Protein backbone atom coordinates (compact mmCIF):
# COMPACT_ATOMS: atom_id res chain seq x y z
CA UNK A 1 0.00 0.00 0.00
CA UNK A 2 1.31 3.45 -0.95
CA UNK A 3 2.59 5.61 1.88
CA UNK A 4 0.16 8.36 2.85
CA UNK A 5 1.34 11.90 3.53
CA UNK A 6 -0.64 14.07 5.93
CA UNK A 7 -1.62 17.55 4.74
CA UNK A 8 -3.26 20.58 6.26
CA UNK A 9 -4.98 23.58 4.72
CA UNK A 10 -2.52 26.46 4.61
CA UNK A 11 -4.96 29.01 3.21
CA UNK A 12 -6.52 30.55 0.12
CA UNK A 13 -5.22 33.14 -2.27
CA UNK A 14 -6.37 34.63 -5.56
CA UNK A 15 -5.24 32.64 -8.59
CA UNK A 16 -2.72 34.42 -10.80
CA UNK A 17 -3.33 31.89 -13.56
CA UNK A 18 -7.11 31.68 -13.89
CA UNK A 19 -9.35 34.73 -13.58
CA UNK A 20 -12.19 34.37 -11.08
CA UNK A 21 -10.59 31.33 -9.46
CA UNK A 22 -8.61 30.82 -6.26
CA UNK A 23 -5.61 28.76 -5.22
CA UNK A 24 -6.16 26.48 -2.25
CA UNK A 25 -2.79 25.81 -0.63
CA UNK A 26 -2.23 22.47 1.11
CA UNK A 27 0.96 22.03 3.12
CA UNK A 28 2.77 18.86 4.12
CA UNK A 29 2.48 18.52 7.90
CA UNK A 30 5.98 17.13 8.49
CA UNK A 31 7.77 18.44 5.43
CA UNK A 32 8.45 21.41 3.16
CA UNK A 33 6.00 20.66 0.33
CA UNK A 34 3.06 22.86 -0.65
CA UNK A 35 0.37 21.77 -3.12
CA UNK A 36 -1.65 24.50 -4.86
CA UNK A 37 -5.10 23.46 -6.11
CA UNK A 38 -7.21 25.77 -8.28
CA UNK A 39 -10.82 25.97 -7.07
CA UNK A 40 -13.86 27.95 -8.17
CA UNK A 41 -15.34 30.88 -6.33
CA UNK A 42 -18.20 28.93 -4.71
CA UNK A 43 -15.82 26.26 -3.41
CA UNK A 44 -13.38 28.92 -2.20
CA UNK A 45 -16.18 30.67 -0.32
CA UNK A 46 -17.24 27.43 1.35
CA UNK A 47 -13.67 26.58 2.37
CA UNK A 48 -13.05 30.12 3.61
CA UNK A 49 -16.17 30.03 5.76
CA UNK A 50 -15.04 26.74 7.31
CA UNK A 51 -11.61 28.22 8.03
CA UNK A 52 -13.21 31.28 9.61
CA UNK A 53 -15.75 29.14 11.53
CA UNK A 54 -18.69 31.01 9.99
CA UNK A 55 -22.16 29.50 9.61
CA UNK A 56 -24.41 30.51 6.68
CA UNK A 57 -28.01 31.53 7.44
CA UNK A 58 -29.25 28.29 5.91
CA UNK A 59 -27.28 25.04 5.47
CA UNK A 60 -25.80 24.63 2.02
CA UNK A 61 -24.39 21.53 0.34
CA UNK A 62 -21.31 20.90 2.50
CA UNK A 63 -23.16 21.75 5.71
CA UNK A 64 -25.99 19.43 4.66
CA UNK A 65 -23.53 16.57 4.14
CA UNK A 66 -22.15 17.11 7.65
CA UNK A 67 -25.67 17.05 9.14
CA UNK A 68 -26.41 13.86 7.21
CA UNK A 69 -23.36 12.04 8.62
CA UNK A 70 -24.21 13.11 12.15
CA UNK A 71 -27.88 12.13 11.83
CA UNK A 72 -27.16 8.61 10.55
CA UNK A 73 -24.09 7.86 12.66
CA UNK A 74 -21.67 7.82 9.72
CA UNK A 75 -18.04 8.64 10.46
CA UNK A 76 -15.82 10.38 7.94
CA UNK A 77 -12.44 8.84 8.75
CA UNK A 78 -10.28 10.78 6.33
CA UNK A 79 -9.98 12.48 2.96
CA UNK A 80 -7.46 10.97 0.56
CA UNK A 81 -6.16 12.79 -2.53
CA UNK A 82 -4.98 9.75 -4.46
CA UNK A 83 -4.32 10.86 -8.04
CA UNK A 84 -3.38 13.77 -10.28
CA UNK A 85 -4.22 13.29 -13.94
CA UNK A 86 -4.50 15.78 -16.82
CA UNK A 87 -4.43 18.73 -14.44
CA UNK A 88 -7.15 17.33 -12.16
CA UNK A 89 -6.78 16.15 -8.54
CA UNK A 90 -8.82 13.08 -7.57
CA UNK A 91 -9.98 12.57 -4.00
CA UNK A 92 -12.14 10.20 -2.02
CA UNK A 93 -14.06 10.31 1.23
CA UNK A 94 -13.34 7.34 3.49
CA UNK A 95 -16.53 6.64 5.45
CA UNK A 96 -17.38 4.13 8.20
CA UNK A 97 -20.88 3.25 9.42
CA UNK A 98 -19.86 0.99 12.28
CA UNK A 99 -19.73 -2.16 10.17
CA UNK A 100 -18.09 -1.40 6.86
CA UNK A 101 -15.74 1.12 5.31
CA UNK A 102 -16.81 2.79 2.07
CA UNK A 103 -14.76 5.01 -0.23
CA UNK A 104 -16.66 7.62 -2.23
CA UNK A 105 -15.15 9.54 -5.13
CA UNK A 106 -15.28 13.31 -4.65
CA UNK A 107 -14.07 16.53 -6.14
CA UNK A 108 -11.05 17.55 -4.10
CA UNK A 109 -12.48 20.98 -3.25
CA UNK A 110 -15.71 19.42 -1.94
CA UNK A 111 -13.81 16.81 0.05
CA UNK A 112 -11.66 19.46 1.73
CA UNK A 113 -14.64 21.70 2.50
CA UNK A 114 -16.28 18.73 4.24
CA UNK A 115 -13.06 17.68 6.01
CA UNK A 116 -12.67 21.15 7.50
CA UNK A 117 -16.20 21.06 8.86
CA UNK A 118 -15.77 17.60 10.38
CA UNK A 119 -12.16 18.26 11.47
CA UNK A 120 -10.76 15.10 9.90
CA UNK A 121 -7.30 14.44 8.45
CA UNK A 122 -6.40 15.02 4.81
CA UNK A 123 -3.84 12.75 3.14
CA UNK A 124 -2.20 12.35 -0.24
CA UNK A 125 0.20 9.86 -1.80
CA UNK A 126 3.94 10.23 -2.24
CA UNK A 127 3.37 10.10 -6.00
CA UNK A 128 1.00 13.08 -5.97
CA UNK A 129 3.25 15.00 -3.58
CA UNK A 130 6.33 14.45 -5.73
CA UNK A 131 4.51 15.39 -8.93
CA UNK A 132 2.60 18.45 -7.71
CA UNK A 133 4.33 19.59 -4.53
CA UNK A 134 6.38 22.77 -4.43
CA UNK A 135 9.23 22.80 -1.91
CA UNK A 136 9.56 25.72 0.50
CA UNK A 137 12.70 25.48 2.59
CA UNK A 138 12.91 27.08 6.04
CA UNK A 139 15.03 30.20 6.30
CA UNK A 140 18.52 29.21 7.46
CA UNK A 141 18.70 32.41 9.55
CA UNK A 142 15.89 31.28 11.87
CA UNK A 143 16.65 32.06 15.49
CA UNK A 144 16.09 29.87 18.52
CA UNK A 145 13.03 31.97 19.23
CA UNK A 146 11.69 31.20 15.80
CA UNK A 147 12.24 27.49 16.36
CA UNK A 148 10.29 27.69 19.59
CA UNK A 149 7.45 29.36 17.75
CA UNK A 150 7.52 26.54 15.17
CA UNK A 151 7.26 23.98 17.98
CA UNK A 152 4.27 25.81 19.41
CA UNK A 153 2.66 25.96 15.99
CA UNK A 154 3.08 22.20 15.57
CA UNK A 155 1.32 21.61 18.86
CA UNK A 156 -1.60 23.74 17.67
CA UNK A 157 -3.67 21.50 15.41
CA UNK A 158 -5.99 24.28 14.25
CA UNK A 159 -5.90 25.23 10.60
CA UNK A 160 -4.32 28.45 9.36
CA UNK A 161 -6.96 31.02 8.48
CA UNK A 162 -7.32 32.57 5.09
CA UNK A 163 -5.86 36.08 4.90
CA UNK A 164 -8.54 38.59 5.94
CA UNK A 165 -8.09 40.68 2.81
CA UNK A 166 -8.29 37.63 0.56
CA UNK A 167 -11.36 36.44 2.48
CA UNK A 168 -13.19 39.71 1.84
CA UNK A 169 -12.18 39.76 -1.83
CA UNK A 170 -14.12 36.51 -2.33
CA UNK A 171 -17.21 38.72 -2.23
CA UNK A 172 -16.02 42.25 -2.90
CA UNK A 173 -14.62 41.45 -6.36
CA UNK A 174 -18.01 40.26 -7.59
CA UNK A 175 -21.42 41.79 -8.24
CA UNK A 176 -24.80 40.30 -9.25
CA UNK A 177 -23.93 41.03 -12.89
CA UNK A 178 -21.24 38.34 -12.75
CA UNK A 179 -23.80 35.55 -12.33
CA UNK A 180 -25.75 34.15 -15.25
CA UNK A 181 -28.26 32.07 -13.35
CA UNK A 182 -30.28 32.57 -10.20
CA UNK A 183 -28.91 29.55 -8.31
CA UNK A 184 -25.31 30.77 -8.53
CA UNK A 185 -26.38 34.25 -7.43
CA UNK A 186 -28.34 32.83 -4.49
CA UNK A 187 -25.31 30.74 -3.46
CA UNK A 188 -23.02 33.79 -3.58
CA UNK A 189 -25.45 35.85 -1.50
CA UNK A 190 -26.02 33.07 1.04
CA UNK A 191 -22.31 32.73 1.79
CA UNK A 192 -21.67 36.48 2.00
CA UNK A 193 -20.84 37.71 5.55
CA UNK A 194 -23.49 40.09 6.89
CA UNK A 195 -21.09 43.01 7.27
CA UNK A 196 -20.06 42.83 3.61
CA UNK A 197 -23.67 42.38 2.49
CA UNK A 198 -24.74 45.52 4.35
CA UNK A 199 -21.76 47.42 2.91
CA UNK A 200 -22.56 46.37 -0.67
CA UNK A 201 -26.22 47.34 -0.17
CA UNK A 202 -25.24 50.81 1.01
CA UNK A 203 -22.76 51.22 -1.86
CA UNK A 204 -25.47 50.26 -4.36
CA UNK A 205 -27.87 52.80 -2.85
CA UNK A 206 -25.23 55.55 -2.80
CA UNK A 207 -24.36 54.93 -6.45
CA UNK A 208 -28.07 54.73 -7.37
CA UNK A 209 -27.66 51.19 -8.66
CA UNK A 210 -31.14 50.27 -7.51
CA UNK A 211 -31.35 46.86 -9.19
CA UNK A 212 -28.35 45.67 -7.17
CA UNK A 213 -29.67 47.43 -4.07
CA UNK A 214 -32.92 45.48 -4.32
CA UNK A 215 -31.06 42.18 -4.61
CA UNK A 216 -29.01 42.93 -1.49
CA UNK A 217 -32.08 44.21 0.36
CA UNK A 218 -34.02 41.03 -0.45
CA UNK A 219 -31.15 38.93 0.95
CA UNK A 220 -31.04 41.07 4.11
CA UNK A 221 -34.79 40.62 4.53
CA UNK A 222 -34.52 36.87 3.96
CA UNK A 223 -31.95 36.59 6.74
CA UNK A 224 -34.03 38.77 9.05
CA UNK A 225 -37.07 36.53 8.47
CA UNK A 226 -35.03 33.49 9.49
CA UNK A 227 -34.31 34.89 12.96
C-alpha atoms as a PDB file:
ATOM      1  CA  UNK A   1       0.000   0.000   0.000  1.00  0.00           C
ATOM      2  CA  UNK A   2       1.309   3.453  -0.955  1.00  0.00           C
ATOM      3  CA  UNK A   3       2.593   5.608   1.878  1.00  0.00           C
ATOM      4  CA  UNK A   4       0.159   8.356   2.845  1.00  0.00           C
ATOM      5  CA  UNK A   5       1.343  11.902   3.530  1.00  0.00           C
ATOM      6  CA  UNK A   6      -0.639  14.065   5.934  1.00  0.00           C
ATOM      7  CA  UNK A   7      -1.619  17.545   4.737  1.00  0.00           C
ATOM      8  CA  UNK A   8      -3.259  20.585   6.257  1.00  0.00           C
ATOM      9  CA  UNK A   9      -4.979  23.579   4.720  1.00  0.00           C
ATOM     10  CA  UNK A  10      -2.523  26.459   4.607  1.00  0.00           C
ATOM     11  CA  UNK A  11      -4.962  29.009   3.212  1.00  0.00           C
ATOM     12  CA  UNK A  12      -6.521  30.552   0.119  1.00  0.00           C
ATOM     13  CA  UNK A  13      -5.219  33.143  -2.274  1.00  0.00           C
ATOM     14  CA  UNK A  14      -6.368  34.635  -5.560  1.00  0.00           C
ATOM     15  CA  UNK A  15      -5.237  32.641  -8.592  1.00  0.00           C
ATOM     16  CA  UNK A  16      -2.722  34.425 -10.803  1.00  0.00           C
ATOM     17  CA  UNK A  17      -3.334  31.893 -13.564  1.00  0.00           C
ATOM     18  CA  UNK A  18      -7.106  31.682 -13.895  1.00  0.00           C
ATOM     19  CA  UNK A  19      -9.348  34.725 -13.585  1.00  0.00           C
ATOM     20  CA  UNK A  20     -12.193  34.371 -11.079  1.00  0.00           C
ATOM     21  CA  UNK A  21     -10.587  31.326  -9.455  1.00  0.00           C
ATOM     22  CA  UNK A  22      -8.612  30.822  -6.256  1.00  0.00           C
ATOM     23  CA  UNK A  23      -5.611  28.765  -5.223  1.00  0.00           C
ATOM     24  CA  UNK A  24      -6.156  26.479  -2.247  1.00  0.00           C
ATOM     25  CA  UNK A  25      -2.789  25.808  -0.630  1.00  0.00           C
ATOM     26  CA  UNK A  26      -2.235  22.472   1.107  1.00  0.00           C
ATOM     27  CA  UNK A  27       0.957  22.029   3.116  1.00  0.00           C
ATOM     28  CA  UNK A  28       2.774  18.862   4.117  1.00  0.00           C
ATOM     29  CA  UNK A  29       2.481  18.522   7.900  1.00  0.00           C
ATOM     30  CA  UNK A  30       5.977  17.134   8.487  1.00  0.00           C
ATOM     31  CA  UNK A  31       7.772  18.443   5.430  1.00  0.00           C
ATOM     32  CA  UNK A  32       8.447  21.413   3.156  1.00  0.00           C
ATOM     33  CA  UNK A  33       5.997  20.664   0.330  1.00  0.00           C
ATOM     34  CA  UNK A  34       3.057  22.858  -0.645  1.00  0.00           C
ATOM     35  CA  UNK A  35       0.372  21.765  -3.117  1.00  0.00           C
ATOM     36  CA  UNK A  36      -1.652  24.501  -4.857  1.00  0.00           C
ATOM     37  CA  UNK A  37      -5.099  23.463  -6.106  1.00  0.00           C
ATOM     38  CA  UNK A  38      -7.207  25.773  -8.284  1.00  0.00           C
ATOM     39  CA  UNK A  39     -10.818  25.970  -7.075  1.00  0.00           C
ATOM     40  CA  UNK A  40     -13.861  27.948  -8.173  1.00  0.00           C
ATOM     41  CA  UNK A  41     -15.341  30.882  -6.334  1.00  0.00           C
ATOM     42  CA  UNK A  42     -18.197  28.931  -4.710  1.00  0.00           C
ATOM     43  CA  UNK A  43     -15.824  26.260  -3.410  1.00  0.00           C
ATOM     44  CA  UNK A  44     -13.376  28.920  -2.202  1.00  0.00           C
ATOM     45  CA  UNK A  45     -16.182  30.668  -0.316  1.00  0.00           C
ATOM     46  CA  UNK A  46     -17.245  27.425   1.353  1.00  0.00           C
ATOM     47  CA  UNK A  47     -13.672  26.576   2.375  1.00  0.00           C
ATOM     48  CA  UNK A  48     -13.048  30.123   3.607  1.00  0.00           C
ATOM     49  CA  UNK A  49     -16.170  30.031   5.764  1.00  0.00           C
ATOM     50  CA  UNK A  50     -15.043  26.743   7.307  1.00  0.00           C
ATOM     51  CA  UNK A  51     -11.605  28.217   8.026  1.00  0.00           C
ATOM     52  CA  UNK A  52     -13.210  31.280   9.614  1.00  0.00           C
ATOM     53  CA  UNK A  53     -15.749  29.140  11.535  1.00  0.00           C
ATOM     54  CA  UNK A  54     -18.690  31.010   9.989  1.00  0.00           C
ATOM     55  CA  UNK A  55     -22.164  29.502   9.606  1.00  0.00           C
ATOM     56  CA  UNK A  56     -24.410  30.509   6.681  1.00  0.00           C
ATOM     57  CA  UNK A  57     -28.011  31.530   7.438  1.00  0.00           C
ATOM     58  CA  UNK A  58     -29.253  28.287   5.908  1.00  0.00           C
ATOM     59  CA  UNK A  59     -27.279  25.040   5.470  1.00  0.00           C
ATOM     60  CA  UNK A  60     -25.802  24.628   2.019  1.00  0.00           C
ATOM     61  CA  UNK A  61     -24.394  21.526   0.344  1.00  0.00           C
ATOM     62  CA  UNK A  62     -21.307  20.899   2.496  1.00  0.00           C
ATOM     63  CA  UNK A  63     -23.163  21.754   5.705  1.00  0.00           C
ATOM     64  CA  UNK A  64     -25.989  19.426   4.657  1.00  0.00           C
ATOM     65  CA  UNK A  65     -23.533  16.572   4.138  1.00  0.00           C
ATOM     66  CA  UNK A  66     -22.154  17.113   7.653  1.00  0.00           C
ATOM     67  CA  UNK A  67     -25.666  17.051   9.137  1.00  0.00           C
ATOM     68  CA  UNK A  68     -26.409  13.859   7.206  1.00  0.00           C
ATOM     69  CA  UNK A  69     -23.360  12.045   8.617  1.00  0.00           C
ATOM     70  CA  UNK A  70     -24.207  13.115  12.150  1.00  0.00           C
ATOM     71  CA  UNK A  71     -27.876  12.133  11.826  1.00  0.00           C
ATOM     72  CA  UNK A  72     -27.162   8.610  10.553  1.00  0.00           C
ATOM     73  CA  UNK A  73     -24.086   7.859  12.661  1.00  0.00           C
ATOM     74  CA  UNK A  74     -21.670   7.819   9.724  1.00  0.00           C
ATOM     75  CA  UNK A  75     -18.043   8.644  10.459  1.00  0.00           C
ATOM     76  CA  UNK A  76     -15.816  10.378   7.942  1.00  0.00           C
ATOM     77  CA  UNK A  77     -12.444   8.838   8.749  1.00  0.00           C
ATOM     78  CA  UNK A  78     -10.276  10.780   6.327  1.00  0.00           C
ATOM     79  CA  UNK A  79      -9.983  12.482   2.959  1.00  0.00           C
ATOM     80  CA  UNK A  80      -7.456  10.968   0.558  1.00  0.00           C
ATOM     81  CA  UNK A  81      -6.156  12.786  -2.534  1.00  0.00           C
ATOM     82  CA  UNK A  82      -4.980   9.753  -4.465  1.00  0.00           C
ATOM     83  CA  UNK A  83      -4.322  10.856  -8.041  1.00  0.00           C
ATOM     84  CA  UNK A  84      -3.380  13.775 -10.281  1.00  0.00           C
ATOM     85  CA  UNK A  85      -4.215  13.286 -13.945  1.00  0.00           C
ATOM     86  CA  UNK A  86      -4.503  15.776 -16.823  1.00  0.00           C
ATOM     87  CA  UNK A  87      -4.432  18.730 -14.437  1.00  0.00           C
ATOM     88  CA  UNK A  88      -7.145  17.326 -12.156  1.00  0.00           C
ATOM     89  CA  UNK A  89      -6.776  16.146  -8.545  1.00  0.00           C
ATOM     90  CA  UNK A  90      -8.816  13.082  -7.572  1.00  0.00           C
ATOM     91  CA  UNK A  91      -9.978  12.567  -3.997  1.00  0.00           C
ATOM     92  CA  UNK A  92     -12.136  10.197  -2.018  1.00  0.00           C
ATOM     93  CA  UNK A  93     -14.058  10.312   1.229  1.00  0.00           C
ATOM     94  CA  UNK A  94     -13.337   7.340   3.489  1.00  0.00           C
ATOM     95  CA  UNK A  95     -16.532   6.642   5.450  1.00  0.00           C
ATOM     96  CA  UNK A  96     -17.384   4.127   8.195  1.00  0.00           C
ATOM     97  CA  UNK A  97     -20.883   3.248   9.415  1.00  0.00           C
ATOM     98  CA  UNK A  98     -19.857   0.987  12.283  1.00  0.00           C
ATOM     99  CA  UNK A  99     -19.734  -2.156  10.173  1.00  0.00           C
ATOM    100  CA  UNK A 100     -18.090  -1.396   6.864  1.00  0.00           C
ATOM    101  CA  UNK A 101     -15.741   1.122   5.310  1.00  0.00           C
ATOM    102  CA  UNK A 102     -16.810   2.786   2.074  1.00  0.00           C
ATOM    103  CA  UNK A 103     -14.765   5.009  -0.234  1.00  0.00           C
ATOM    104  CA  UNK A 104     -16.664   7.620  -2.234  1.00  0.00           C
ATOM    105  CA  UNK A 105     -15.150   9.538  -5.129  1.00  0.00           C
ATOM    106  CA  UNK A 106     -15.277  13.308  -4.647  1.00  0.00           C
ATOM    107  CA  UNK A 107     -14.070  16.534  -6.144  1.00  0.00           C
ATOM    108  CA  UNK A 108     -11.054  17.555  -4.099  1.00  0.00           C
ATOM    109  CA  UNK A 109     -12.479  20.981  -3.251  1.00  0.00           C
ATOM    110  CA  UNK A 110     -15.708  19.420  -1.940  1.00  0.00           C
ATOM    111  CA  UNK A 111     -13.809  16.807   0.053  1.00  0.00           C
ATOM    112  CA  UNK A 112     -11.656  19.457   1.730  1.00  0.00           C
ATOM    113  CA  UNK A 113     -14.643  21.696   2.502  1.00  0.00           C
ATOM    114  CA  UNK A 114     -16.278  18.734   4.245  1.00  0.00           C
ATOM    115  CA  UNK A 115     -13.060  17.678   6.005  1.00  0.00           C
ATOM    116  CA  UNK A 116     -12.672  21.149   7.497  1.00  0.00           C
ATOM    117  CA  UNK A 117     -16.203  21.060   8.865  1.00  0.00           C
ATOM    118  CA  UNK A 118     -15.772  17.604  10.377  1.00  0.00           C
ATOM    119  CA  UNK A 119     -12.159  18.257  11.469  1.00  0.00           C
ATOM    120  CA  UNK A 120     -10.757  15.102   9.899  1.00  0.00           C
ATOM    121  CA  UNK A 121      -7.305  14.441   8.453  1.00  0.00           C
ATOM    122  CA  UNK A 122      -6.400  15.019   4.812  1.00  0.00           C
ATOM    123  CA  UNK A 123      -3.841  12.749   3.145  1.00  0.00           C
ATOM    124  CA  UNK A 124      -2.205  12.349  -0.236  1.00  0.00           C
ATOM    125  CA  UNK A 125       0.197   9.858  -1.799  1.00  0.00           C
ATOM    126  CA  UNK A 126       3.940  10.233  -2.245  1.00  0.00           C
ATOM    127  CA  UNK A 127       3.373  10.099  -5.995  1.00  0.00           C
ATOM    128  CA  UNK A 128       1.004  13.084  -5.968  1.00  0.00           C
ATOM    129  CA  UNK A 129       3.248  14.998  -3.576  1.00  0.00           C
ATOM    130  CA  UNK A 130       6.334  14.453  -5.730  1.00  0.00           C
ATOM    131  CA  UNK A 131       4.507  15.390  -8.932  1.00  0.00           C
ATOM    132  CA  UNK A 132       2.597  18.453  -7.713  1.00  0.00           C
ATOM    133  CA  UNK A 133       4.328  19.593  -4.528  1.00  0.00           C
ATOM    134  CA  UNK A 134       6.380  22.770  -4.432  1.00  0.00           C
ATOM    135  CA  UNK A 135       9.229  22.803  -1.906  1.00  0.00           C
ATOM    136  CA  UNK A 136       9.563  25.720   0.500  1.00  0.00           C
ATOM    137  CA  UNK A 137      12.700  25.479   2.592  1.00  0.00           C
ATOM    138  CA  UNK A 138      12.908  27.082   6.036  1.00  0.00           C
ATOM    139  CA  UNK A 139      15.025  30.199   6.304  1.00  0.00           C
ATOM    140  CA  UNK A 140      18.525  29.215   7.457  1.00  0.00           C
ATOM    141  CA  UNK A 141      18.705  32.406   9.552  1.00  0.00           C
ATOM    142  CA  UNK A 142      15.894  31.284  11.870  1.00  0.00           C
ATOM    143  CA  UNK A 143      16.653  32.056  15.494  1.00  0.00           C
ATOM    144  CA  UNK A 144      16.086  29.868  18.516  1.00  0.00           C
ATOM    145  CA  UNK A 145      13.030  31.973  19.226  1.00  0.00           C
ATOM    146  CA  UNK A 146      11.693  31.203  15.796  1.00  0.00           C
ATOM    147  CA  UNK A 147      12.238  27.488  16.356  1.00  0.00           C
ATOM    148  CA  UNK A 148      10.293  27.691  19.592  1.00  0.00           C
ATOM    149  CA  UNK A 149       7.453  29.361  17.750  1.00  0.00           C
ATOM    150  CA  UNK A 150       7.519  26.542  15.174  1.00  0.00           C
ATOM    151  CA  UNK A 151       7.258  23.981  17.977  1.00  0.00           C
ATOM    152  CA  UNK A 152       4.266  25.805  19.413  1.00  0.00           C
ATOM    153  CA  UNK A 153       2.661  25.958  15.985  1.00  0.00           C
ATOM    154  CA  UNK A 154       3.078  22.202  15.566  1.00  0.00           C
ATOM    155  CA  UNK A 155       1.324  21.614  18.856  1.00  0.00           C
ATOM    156  CA  UNK A 156      -1.600  23.739  17.673  1.00  0.00           C
ATOM    157  CA  UNK A 157      -3.670  21.497  15.412  1.00  0.00           C
ATOM    158  CA  UNK A 158      -5.991  24.280  14.253  1.00  0.00           C
ATOM    159  CA  UNK A 159      -5.903  25.231  10.599  1.00  0.00           C
ATOM    160  CA  UNK A 160      -4.325  28.452   9.355  1.00  0.00           C
ATOM    161  CA  UNK A 161      -6.964  31.019   8.483  1.00  0.00           C
ATOM    162  CA  UNK A 162      -7.316  32.573   5.090  1.00  0.00           C
ATOM    163  CA  UNK A 163      -5.864  36.078   4.901  1.00  0.00           C
ATOM    164  CA  UNK A 164      -8.542  38.593   5.940  1.00  0.00           C
ATOM    165  CA  UNK A 165      -8.095  40.683   2.810  1.00  0.00           C
ATOM    166  CA  UNK A 166      -8.285  37.626   0.557  1.00  0.00           C
ATOM    167  CA  UNK A 167     -11.365  36.444   2.476  1.00  0.00           C
ATOM    168  CA  UNK A 168     -13.192  39.713   1.842  1.00  0.00           C
ATOM    169  CA  UNK A 169     -12.176  39.755  -1.826  1.00  0.00           C
ATOM    170  CA  UNK A 170     -14.117  36.513  -2.335  1.00  0.00           C
ATOM    171  CA  UNK A 171     -17.209  38.717  -2.230  1.00  0.00           C
ATOM    172  CA  UNK A 172     -16.020  42.255  -2.904  1.00  0.00           C
ATOM    173  CA  UNK A 173     -14.625  41.446  -6.362  1.00  0.00           C
ATOM    174  CA  UNK A 174     -18.013  40.262  -7.590  1.00  0.00           C
ATOM    175  CA  UNK A 175     -21.417  41.789  -8.242  1.00  0.00           C
ATOM    176  CA  UNK A 176     -24.799  40.305  -9.249  1.00  0.00           C
ATOM    177  CA  UNK A 177     -23.934  41.034 -12.888  1.00  0.00           C
ATOM    178  CA  UNK A 178     -21.240  38.340 -12.750  1.00  0.00           C
ATOM    179  CA  UNK A 179     -23.801  35.554 -12.331  1.00  0.00           C
ATOM    180  CA  UNK A 180     -25.750  34.150 -15.255  1.00  0.00           C
ATOM    181  CA  UNK A 181     -28.263  32.067 -13.348  1.00  0.00           C
ATOM    182  CA  UNK A 182     -30.280  32.567 -10.198  1.00  0.00           C
ATOM    183  CA  UNK A 183     -28.911  29.554  -8.311  1.00  0.00           C
ATOM    184  CA  UNK A 184     -25.311  30.769  -8.531  1.00  0.00           C
ATOM    185  CA  UNK A 185     -26.377  34.250  -7.430  1.00  0.00           C
ATOM    186  CA  UNK A 186     -28.335  32.834  -4.488  1.00  0.00           C
ATOM    187  CA  UNK A 187     -25.309  30.741  -3.457  1.00  0.00           C
ATOM    188  CA  UNK A 188     -23.019  33.794  -3.579  1.00  0.00           C
ATOM    189  CA  UNK A 189     -25.453  35.855  -1.503  1.00  0.00           C
ATOM    190  CA  UNK A 190     -26.023  33.075   1.041  1.00  0.00           C
ATOM    191  CA  UNK A 191     -22.306  32.730   1.790  1.00  0.00           C
ATOM    192  CA  UNK A 192     -21.670  36.480   2.001  1.00  0.00           C
ATOM    193  CA  UNK A 193     -20.843  37.711   5.551  1.00  0.00           C
ATOM    194  CA  UNK A 194     -23.493  40.087   6.885  1.00  0.00           C
ATOM    195  CA  UNK A 195     -21.093  43.005   7.268  1.00  0.00           C
ATOM    196  CA  UNK A 196     -20.061  42.832   3.607  1.00  0.00           C
ATOM    197  CA  UNK A 197     -23.674  42.382   2.486  1.00  0.00           C
ATOM    198  CA  UNK A 198     -24.736  45.522   4.348  1.00  0.00           C
ATOM    199  CA  UNK A 199     -21.763  47.416   2.912  1.00  0.00           C
ATOM    200  CA  UNK A 200     -22.558  46.367  -0.667  1.00  0.00           C
ATOM    201  CA  UNK A 201     -26.220  47.335  -0.167  1.00  0.00           C
ATOM    202  CA  UNK A 202     -25.239  50.815   1.013  1.00  0.00           C
ATOM    203  CA  UNK A 203     -22.761  51.223  -1.856  1.00  0.00           C
ATOM    204  CA  UNK A 204     -25.467  50.262  -4.362  1.00  0.00           C
ATOM    205  CA  UNK A 205     -27.868  52.801  -2.847  1.00  0.00           C
ATOM    206  CA  UNK A 206     -25.230  55.551  -2.801  1.00  0.00           C
ATOM    207  CA  UNK A 207     -24.360  54.925  -6.450  1.00  0.00           C
ATOM    208  CA  UNK A 208     -28.075  54.730  -7.371  1.00  0.00           C
ATOM    209  CA  UNK A 209     -27.659  51.187  -8.657  1.00  0.00           C
ATOM    210  CA  UNK A 210     -31.137  50.271  -7.512  1.00  0.00           C
ATOM    211  CA  UNK A 211     -31.346  46.864  -9.189  1.00  0.00           C
ATOM    212  CA  UNK A 212     -28.345  45.666  -7.168  1.00  0.00           C
ATOM    213  CA  UNK A 213     -29.666  47.427  -4.065  1.00  0.00           C
ATOM    214  CA  UNK A 214     -32.923  45.483  -4.316  1.00  0.00           C
ATOM    215  CA  UNK A 215     -31.057  42.180  -4.614  1.00  0.00           C
ATOM    216  CA  UNK A 216     -29.014  42.929  -1.486  1.00  0.00           C
ATOM    217  CA  UNK A 217     -32.081  44.213   0.364  1.00  0.00           C
ATOM    218  CA  UNK A 218     -34.018  41.026  -0.449  1.00  0.00           C
ATOM    219  CA  UNK A 219     -31.154  38.930   0.945  1.00  0.00           C
ATOM    220  CA  UNK A 220     -31.037  41.066   4.108  1.00  0.00           C
ATOM    221  CA  UNK A 221     -34.794  40.621   4.530  1.00  0.00           C
ATOM    222  CA  UNK A 222     -34.517  36.874   3.961  1.00  0.00           C
ATOM    223  CA  UNK A 223     -31.949  36.593   6.738  1.00  0.00           C
ATOM    224  CA  UNK A 224     -34.035  38.768   9.046  1.00  0.00           C
ATOM    225  CA  UNK A 225     -37.071  36.531   8.473  1.00  0.00           C
ATOM    226  CA  UNK A 226     -35.027  33.485   9.491  1.00  0.00           C
ATOM    227  CA  UNK A 227     -34.305  34.888  12.962  1.00  0.00           C
END
